[in-house]
C-alpha atoms as a PDB file:
ATOM      1  CA  UNK A   1      -1.562 101.119  24.811  1.00  0.00           C
ATOM      2  CA  UNK A   2       1.116  98.692  23.693  1.00  0.00           C
ATOM      3  CA  UNK A   3       2.547  96.500  26.437  1.00  0.00           C
ATOM      4  CA  UNK A   4       6.173  95.441  26.569  1.00  0.00           C
ATOM      5  CA  UNK A   5       7.075  91.771  26.440  1.00  0.00           C
ATOM      6  CA  UNK A   6       7.719  90.657  30.046  1.00  0.00           C
ATOM      7  CA  UNK A   7      11.287  89.712  30.940  1.00  0.00           C
ATOM      8  CA  UNK A   8      12.137  86.528  32.798  1.00  0.00           C
ATOM      9  CA  UNK A   9      13.755  86.934  36.206  1.00  0.00           C
ATOM     10  CA  UNK A  10      17.076  85.889  34.674  1.00  0.00           C
ATOM     11  CA  UNK A  11      16.801  88.590  31.995  1.00  0.00           C
ATOM     12  CA  UNK A  12      15.757  91.174  34.597  1.00  0.00           C
ATOM     13  CA  UNK A  13      18.808  90.279  36.699  1.00  0.00           C
ATOM     14  CA  UNK A  14      21.074  90.495  33.648  1.00  0.00           C
ATOM     15  CA  UNK A  15      19.653  93.935  32.845  1.00  0.00           C
ATOM     16  CA  UNK A  16      20.152  95.147  36.426  1.00  0.00           C
ATOM     17  CA  UNK A  17      23.758  93.927  36.357  1.00  0.00           C
ATOM     18  CA  UNK A  18      24.352  95.703  33.034  1.00  0.00           C
ATOM     19  CA  UNK A  19      23.289  98.930  34.793  1.00  0.00           C
ATOM     20  CA  UNK A  20      25.925  98.349  37.480  1.00  0.00           C
ATOM     21  CA  UNK A  21      23.945  96.635  40.235  1.00  0.00           C
ATOM     22  CA  UNK A  22      26.044  94.279  42.334  1.00  0.00           C
ATOM     23  CA  UNK A  23      24.229  91.365  43.953  1.00  0.00           C
ATOM     24  CA  UNK A  24      25.490  88.594  46.197  1.00  0.00           C
ATOM     25  CA  UNK A  25      22.433  86.325  46.225  1.00  0.00           C
ATOM     26  CA  UNK A  26      20.607  85.986  42.908  1.00  0.00           C
ATOM     27  CA  UNK A  27      18.029  83.632  44.449  1.00  0.00           C
ATOM     28  CA  UNK A  28      17.057  86.384  46.907  1.00  0.00           C
ATOM     29  CA  UNK A  29      16.897  88.906  44.058  1.00  0.00           C
ATOM     30  CA  UNK A  30      14.445  86.609  42.234  1.00  0.00           C
ATOM     31  CA  UNK A  31      12.265  86.475  45.365  1.00  0.00           C
ATOM     32  CA  UNK A  32      12.270  90.268  45.594  1.00  0.00           C
ATOM     33  CA  UNK A  33      11.411  90.625  41.900  1.00  0.00           C
ATOM     34  CA  UNK A  34       8.513  88.186  42.335  1.00  0.00           C
ATOM     35  CA  UNK A  35       7.138  90.263  45.217  1.00  0.00           C
ATOM     36  CA  UNK A  36       7.488  93.485  43.215  1.00  0.00           C
ATOM     37  CA  UNK A  37       5.645  91.848  40.295  1.00  0.00           C
ATOM     38  CA  UNK A  38       2.791  90.776  42.594  1.00  0.00           C
ATOM     39  CA  UNK A  39       2.475  94.278  44.040  1.00  0.00           C
ATOM     40  CA  UNK A  40       2.575  95.862  40.570  1.00  0.00           C
ATOM     41  CA  UNK A  41      -0.124  93.530  39.261  1.00  0.00           C
ATOM     42  CA  UNK A  42      -2.320  94.245  42.285  1.00  0.00           C
ATOM     43  CA  UNK A  43      -1.934  98.007  41.919  1.00  0.00           C
ATOM     44  CA  UNK A  44      -2.768  97.833  38.204  1.00  0.00           C
ATOM     45  CA  UNK A  45      -5.836  95.743  39.004  1.00  0.00           C
ATOM     46  CA  UNK A  46      -6.958  98.253  41.631  1.00  0.00           C
ATOM     47  CA  UNK A  47      -6.629 101.099  39.104  1.00  0.00           C
ATOM     48  CA  UNK A  48      -9.181  99.530  36.710  1.00  0.00           C
END
């Protein structure tokens, strides 16, 4: 399975905005993305 190159938080935010997401606090969005990344990594580890 080929993995995609990970996007930085800034690039993830830019992509979300390009899809129409409106955000007031980009610092808070980065915190949320970091939490989602931690959860995703944990779930992938548990699936091994």
